[in-house]
Amino acid sequence: MRALSLNQPLASFCVWLQTLDPGTGQGVAEKEYETRSFGCSWARKIKPETIYIHATGFSKRMRELRDKNPEIFLNTLRAHGYEDPRDLPTGGIVGLVNVLGSLPTETIRDRLSLRELAFGIYDTGRIAIRLARPVPFTEIFLCKGRLGLWTVPEELHLTIEKSRRPK
């Protein structure tokens, strides 16, 4: 199985449940799209699959996003019991999502919520990766992340899957 490394708090926002969709009963994530530059070839070609979300530290770029909409970021953190994004888990896998595909940001930007717009860079010429059916994990599975989409070591994948089985 593959994983995508994201800076916190965006990694958690991708797997935290905002609400349940009344039509499907599926969880809707706080963040439904992950954005990448158009030059990111894997993002343009991504096909539907289930992936893990790996959390890395809180970067300068995340501070810049947060500072544009501090209230949205803070309210989302507080809704999940956090005051400071630096308290979020890092250095491991925090959940999983289904990737539905990707599309140019300009085709969806006008119909996104303020919350979704706050959690990504939707400039013209970028790619939006659609995420669905988030599953947050109750524990972090420590491992080193990588840039882009990467393959999780088989041993770690088996450990995660074993932990998700009913006891």
Foldseek 3Di string as FASTA:
>chain_A
DKEAEDEPPLLVQQFDFPDADPVPRFGDGLAFKEKFALPPVCQQVPAKDKYWYAYAYCDPVNVVLCVVPVVLVQVVQVVVPDRDRRPDDHQFTFWMWIWHGKDQLVVCVVPDDPSNCSSYPSDGRMMITGTTRHHTDPDGQHDHDDHDMGDDPPVSVVVVVVVPDDD
